[in-house]
Amino acid sequence: MNAATIRARMLDVVAAVPEGRVATYGDIARLAGFPRHSRQVGVALREPGNEVPWHRIVNHEGRISRRGLDGSDELQRYLLEAEGVAFDAEGRIALRQYRWEMAR
């Protein structure tokens, strides 16, 4: 299977994450059938033209992964809070409460 096909499968899983829920990069990789490829999820989300809810994907600690100085970290938090996702004082999301699992 080529890299483009793998990324497309990952983006299909990201597209299924419902409003008000989050998934980790590892969750997406595992649900797409590629466990241990969570970094590839980040690569797929950075590709231009993706119309998936990228903001619903967080790291394994329930935190927004730092991307640099482009403002997308603050945008991601804003979008999640607008969907009702709460952050604690340390900037973490309660994964037990907000984590999504794809129906099997």
N, C-alpha and C. Protein backbone atom coordinates (compact mmCIF):
# COMPACT_ATOMS: atom_id res chain seq x y z
N MET A 1 0.86 -1.18 0.00
CA MET A 1 0.00 0.00 0.00
C MET A 1 0.90 1.24 0.00
N ASN A 2 0.57 2.20 -0.84
CA ASN A 2 1.42 3.38 -0.92
C ASN A 2 1.04 4.42 0.13
N ALA A 3 1.93 5.40 0.31
CA ALA A 3 1.75 6.42 1.36
C ALA A 3 0.48 7.24 1.15
N ALA A 4 0.14 7.55 -0.08
CA ALA A 4 -1.07 8.33 -0.34
C ALA A 4 -2.32 7.57 0.08
N THR A 5 -2.34 6.28 -0.14
CA THR A 5 -3.48 5.46 0.26
C THR A 5 -3.59 5.39 1.78
N ILE A 6 -2.45 5.25 2.44
CA ILE A 6 -2.44 5.21 3.91
C ILE A 6 -2.97 6.52 4.48
N ARG A 7 -2.48 7.64 3.94
CA ARG A 7 -2.95 8.95 4.42
C ARG A 7 -4.44 9.13 4.16
N ALA A 8 -4.92 8.67 3.03
CA ALA A 8 -6.35 8.79 2.71
C ALA A 8 -7.18 8.00 3.71
N ARG A 9 -6.74 6.80 4.09
CA ARG A 9 -7.48 6.02 5.09
C ARG A 9 -7.48 6.73 6.44
N MET A 10 -6.36 7.33 6.79
CA MET A 10 -6.30 8.07 8.05
C MET A 10 -7.25 9.26 8.03
N LEU A 11 -7.29 9.97 6.92
CA LEU A 11 -8.18 11.13 6.82
C LEU A 11 -9.65 10.71 6.84
N ASP A 12 -9.96 9.53 6.32
CA ASP A 12 -11.33 9.02 6.40
C ASP A 12 -11.74 8.82 7.86
N VAL A 13 -10.83 8.34 8.68
CA VAL A 13 -11.13 8.15 10.10
C VAL A 13 -11.28 9.51 10.77
N VAL A 14 -10.39 10.45 10.49
CA VAL A 14 -10.50 11.79 11.07
C VAL A 14 -11.85 12.40 10.71
N ALA A 15 -12.30 12.22 9.49
CA ALA A 15 -13.58 12.79 9.05
C ALA A 15 -14.75 12.24 9.85
N ALA A 16 -14.60 11.08 10.45
CA ALA A 16 -15.68 10.46 11.20
C ALA A 16 -15.77 10.94 12.65
N VAL A 17 -14.75 11.66 13.14
CA VAL A 17 -14.77 12.13 14.53
C VAL A 17 -15.88 13.18 14.66
N PRO A 18 -16.86 12.92 15.53
CA PRO A 18 -18.00 13.85 15.62
C PRO A 18 -17.69 15.12 16.41
N GLU A 19 -18.51 16.11 16.19
CA GLU A 19 -18.42 17.37 16.90
C GLU A 19 -18.47 17.11 18.40
N GLY A 20 -17.64 17.83 19.15
CA GLY A 20 -17.63 17.71 20.59
C GLY A 20 -16.83 16.53 21.12
N ARG A 21 -16.14 15.83 20.25
CA ARG A 21 -15.31 14.68 20.63
C ARG A 21 -13.91 14.89 20.08
N VAL A 22 -12.94 14.19 20.66
CA VAL A 22 -11.57 14.23 20.18
C VAL A 22 -11.04 12.81 20.04
N ALA A 23 -9.98 12.68 19.28
CA ALA A 23 -9.24 11.42 19.16
C ALA A 23 -7.77 11.78 19.18
N THR A 24 -6.94 10.83 19.57
CA THR A 24 -5.50 11.07 19.55
C THR A 24 -4.93 10.66 18.20
N TYR A 25 -3.74 11.13 17.94
CA TYR A 25 -3.05 10.72 16.71
C TYR A 25 -2.93 9.20 16.66
N GLY A 26 -2.62 8.60 17.80
CA GLY A 26 -2.51 7.14 17.88
C GLY A 26 -3.83 6.44 17.63
N ASP A 27 -4.92 7.01 18.14
CA ASP A 27 -6.25 6.44 17.89
C ASP A 27 -6.53 6.39 16.39
N ILE A 28 -6.24 7.49 15.72
CA ILE A 28 -6.52 7.57 14.28
C ILE A 28 -5.69 6.54 13.52
N ALA A 29 -4.41 6.45 13.85
CA ALA A 29 -3.54 5.47 13.18
C ALA A 29 -4.05 4.05 13.39
N ARG A 30 -4.41 3.73 14.63
CA ARG A 30 -4.89 2.38 14.95
C ARG A 30 -6.20 2.08 14.24
N LEU A 31 -7.15 3.01 14.29
CA LEU A 31 -8.44 2.79 13.66
C LEU A 31 -8.34 2.71 12.13
N ALA A 32 -7.34 3.36 11.57
CA ALA A 32 -7.13 3.28 10.12
C ALA A 32 -6.42 1.99 9.71
N GLY A 33 -5.95 1.24 10.72
CA GLY A 33 -5.28 -0.03 10.43
C GLY A 33 -3.77 0.06 10.38
N PHE A 34 -3.22 1.16 10.92
CA PHE A 34 -1.78 1.37 10.89
C PHE A 34 -1.25 1.75 12.27
N PRO A 35 -1.38 0.85 13.25
CA PRO A 35 -0.88 1.17 14.60
C PRO A 35 0.62 1.48 14.53
N ARG A 36 1.07 2.31 15.44
CA ARG A 36 2.47 2.75 15.51
C ARG A 36 2.84 3.72 14.38
N HIS A 37 1.85 4.27 13.70
CA HIS A 37 2.11 5.25 12.63
C HIS A 37 1.44 6.59 12.94
N SER A 38 1.39 6.95 14.22
CA SER A 38 0.69 8.17 14.61
C SER A 38 1.31 9.43 14.01
N ARG A 39 2.61 9.43 13.80
CA ARG A 39 3.23 10.62 13.18
C ARG A 39 2.71 10.84 11.76
N GLN A 40 2.36 9.77 11.08
CA GLN A 40 1.83 9.90 9.73
C GLN A 40 0.46 10.59 9.73
N VAL A 41 -0.26 10.49 10.83
CA VAL A 41 -1.53 11.20 10.94
C VAL A 41 -1.27 12.70 10.87
N GLY A 42 -0.27 13.16 11.61
CA GLY A 42 0.10 14.58 11.56
C GLY A 42 0.50 15.02 10.16
N VAL A 43 1.24 14.17 9.46
CA VAL A 43 1.64 14.48 8.08
C VAL A 43 0.40 14.62 7.21
N ALA A 44 -0.53 13.68 7.35
CA ALA A 44 -1.75 13.71 6.54
C ALA A 44 -2.57 14.97 6.82
N LEU A 45 -2.64 15.37 8.09
CA LEU A 45 -3.43 16.55 8.45
C LEU A 45 -2.81 17.84 7.92
N ARG A 46 -1.52 17.85 7.68
CA ARG A 46 -0.85 19.06 7.19
C ARG A 46 -0.95 19.22 5.68
N GLU A 47 -1.42 18.21 4.98
CA GLU A 47 -1.52 18.31 3.53
C GLU A 47 -2.58 19.34 3.14
N PRO A 48 -2.28 20.19 2.17
CA PRO A 48 -3.25 21.21 1.77
C PRO A 48 -4.50 20.58 1.14
N GLY A 49 -5.62 21.26 1.35
CA GLY A 49 -6.86 20.83 0.71
C GLY A 49 -7.67 19.82 1.50
N ASN A 50 -7.20 19.42 2.66
CA ASN A 50 -7.97 18.47 3.47
C ASN A 50 -9.16 19.17 4.10
N GLU A 51 -10.32 18.61 3.92
CA GLU A 51 -11.54 19.17 4.50
C GLU A 51 -12.03 18.26 5.61
N VAL A 52 -11.16 17.99 6.56
CA VAL A 52 -11.50 17.14 7.70
C VAL A 52 -11.41 17.96 8.98
N PRO A 53 -12.07 17.52 10.04
CA PRO A 53 -12.03 18.26 11.31
C PRO A 53 -10.71 18.04 12.05
N TRP A 54 -9.63 18.58 11.50
CA TRP A 54 -8.28 18.42 12.03
C TRP A 54 -8.17 18.85 13.49
N HIS A 55 -8.99 19.81 13.88
CA HIS A 55 -8.90 20.36 15.23
C HIS A 55 -9.32 19.36 16.31
N ARG A 56 -9.96 18.28 15.93
CA ARG A 56 -10.42 17.27 16.89
C ARG A 56 -9.35 16.23 17.23
N ILE A 57 -8.17 16.38 16.67
CA ILE A 57 -7.09 15.43 16.91
C ILE A 57 -6.07 16.06 17.86
N VAL A 58 -5.80 15.36 18.96
CA VAL A 58 -4.90 15.85 20.00
C VAL A 58 -3.87 14.78 20.33
N ASN A 59 -2.89 15.14 21.15
CA ASN A 59 -1.87 14.14 21.49
C ASN A 59 -2.36 13.19 22.58
N HIS A 60 -1.54 12.21 22.91
CA HIS A 60 -1.94 11.15 23.85
C HIS A 60 -2.18 11.65 25.27
N GLU A 61 -1.74 12.86 25.57
CA GLU A 61 -1.98 13.46 26.89
C GLU A 61 -3.26 14.28 26.92
N GLY A 62 -3.95 14.38 25.78
CA GLY A 62 -5.14 15.21 25.71
C GLY A 62 -4.80 16.68 25.52
N ARG A 63 -3.63 16.93 25.00
CA ARG A 63 -3.19 18.31 24.77
C ARG A 63 -3.12 18.61 23.28
N ILE A 64 -3.18 19.88 22.97
CA ILE A 64 -2.95 20.33 21.60
C ILE A 64 -1.45 20.24 21.35
N SER A 65 -1.07 19.61 20.25
CA SER A 65 0.35 19.51 19.89
C SER A 65 0.82 20.85 19.34
N ARG A 66 1.95 21.28 19.82
CA ARG A 66 2.51 22.57 19.38
C ARG A 66 2.93 22.48 17.92
N ARG A 67 2.57 23.50 17.15
CA ARG A 67 2.91 23.53 15.73
C ARG A 67 3.84 24.67 15.38
N GLY A 68 4.07 25.59 16.28
CA GLY A 68 4.91 26.74 15.95
C GLY A 68 4.17 28.03 16.19
N LEU A 69 4.54 29.04 15.47
CA LEU A 69 4.02 30.39 15.72
C LEU A 69 2.95 30.82 14.74
N ASP A 70 2.28 29.89 14.10
CA ASP A 70 1.30 30.26 13.08
C ASP A 70 -0.10 30.54 13.61
N GLY A 71 -0.32 30.38 14.91
CA GLY A 71 -1.62 30.67 15.50
C GLY A 71 -2.60 29.51 15.48
N SER A 72 -2.23 28.38 14.86
CA SER A 72 -3.18 27.28 14.76
C SER A 72 -3.43 26.60 16.11
N ASP A 73 -2.50 26.72 17.06
CA ASP A 73 -2.73 26.14 18.39
C ASP A 73 -3.91 26.83 19.06
N GLU A 74 -3.92 28.15 19.01
CA GLU A 74 -5.01 28.91 19.62
C GLU A 74 -6.32 28.67 18.86
N LEU A 75 -6.24 28.58 17.53
CA LEU A 75 -7.42 28.30 16.73
C LEU A 75 -7.99 26.94 17.08
N GLN A 76 -7.14 25.94 17.24
CA GLN A 76 -7.61 24.60 17.59
C GLN A 76 -8.35 24.62 18.92
N ARG A 77 -7.79 25.28 19.92
CA ARG A 77 -8.46 25.36 21.22
C ARG A 77 -9.80 26.08 21.09
N TYR A 78 -9.82 27.19 20.35
CA TYR A 78 -11.05 27.93 20.14
C TYR A 78 -12.13 27.06 19.50
N LEU A 79 -11.75 26.33 18.45
CA LEU A 79 -12.72 25.47 17.75
C LEU A 79 -13.24 24.36 18.65
N LEU A 80 -12.36 23.76 19.44
CA LEU A 80 -12.80 22.70 20.35
C LEU A 80 -13.72 23.25 21.44
N GLU A 81 -13.35 24.38 22.01
CA GLU A 81 -14.21 24.97 23.05
C GLU A 81 -15.56 25.37 22.47
N ALA A 82 -15.60 25.82 21.22
CA ALA A 82 -16.87 26.17 20.58
C ALA A 82 -17.76 24.95 20.41
N GLU A 83 -17.16 23.75 20.37
CA GLU A 83 -17.91 22.50 20.26
C GLU A 83 -18.24 21.92 21.64
N GLY A 84 -17.85 22.62 22.71
CA GLY A 84 -18.17 22.17 24.05
C GLY A 84 -17.10 21.35 24.74
N VAL A 85 -15.93 21.24 24.13
CA VAL A 85 -14.83 20.49 24.74
C VAL A 85 -14.13 21.40 25.74
N ALA A 86 -13.97 20.91 26.97
CA ALA A 86 -13.38 21.71 28.04
C ALA A 86 -11.91 21.34 28.25
N PHE A 87 -11.13 22.32 28.66
CA PHE A 87 -9.72 22.14 28.99
C PHE A 87 -9.54 22.40 30.48
N ASP A 88 -8.61 21.67 31.11
CA ASP A 88 -8.32 21.94 32.52
C ASP A 88 -7.31 23.08 32.62
N ALA A 89 -6.90 23.42 33.83
CA ALA A 89 -6.00 24.54 34.05
C ALA A 89 -4.63 24.33 33.40
N GLU A 90 -4.26 23.08 33.16
CA GLU A 90 -2.98 22.77 32.53
C GLU A 90 -3.10 22.61 31.01
N GLY A 91 -4.27 22.90 30.46
CA GLY A 91 -4.46 22.83 29.02
C GLY A 91 -4.74 21.44 28.48
N ARG A 92 -5.20 20.54 29.34
CA ARG A 92 -5.51 19.18 28.92
C ARG A 92 -7.01 18.99 28.77
N ILE A 93 -7.36 18.07 27.89
CA ILE A 93 -8.75 17.65 27.70
C ILE A 93 -8.91 16.33 28.44
N ALA A 94 -10.02 16.17 29.14
CA ALA A 94 -10.29 14.91 29.84
C ALA A 94 -10.65 13.85 28.79
N LEU A 95 -9.66 13.02 28.43
CA LEU A 95 -9.90 12.03 27.40
C LEU A 95 -10.97 11.03 27.80
N ARG A 96 -11.10 10.73 29.08
CA ARG A 96 -12.16 9.80 29.51
C ARG A 96 -13.54 10.34 29.17
N GLN A 97 -13.67 11.63 29.15
CA GLN A 97 -14.96 12.25 28.87
C GLN A 97 -15.17 12.55 27.38
N TYR A 98 -14.15 13.02 26.69
CA TYR A 98 -14.31 13.52 25.33
C TYR A 98 -13.75 12.62 24.23
N ARG A 99 -13.03 11.57 24.60
CA ARG A 99 -12.41 10.71 23.58
C ARG A 99 -13.47 9.95 22.81
N TRP A 100 -13.29 9.89 21.50
CA TRP A 100 -14.20 9.19 20.60
C TRP A 100 -13.59 7.87 20.18
N GLU A 101 -14.40 6.88 20.08
CA GLU A 101 -14.01 5.57 19.52
C GLU A 101 -14.97 5.23 18.41
N MET A 102 -14.43 4.88 17.27
CA MET A 102 -15.25 4.53 16.12
C MET A 102 -16.05 3.26 16.43
N ALA A 103 -17.32 3.28 16.09
CA ALA A 103 -18.15 2.08 16.25
C ALA A 103 -17.61 0.98 15.35
N ARG A 104 -17.52 -0.19 15.87
CA ARG A 104 -16.94 -1.29 15.07
C ARG A 104 -18.00 -2.06 14.36
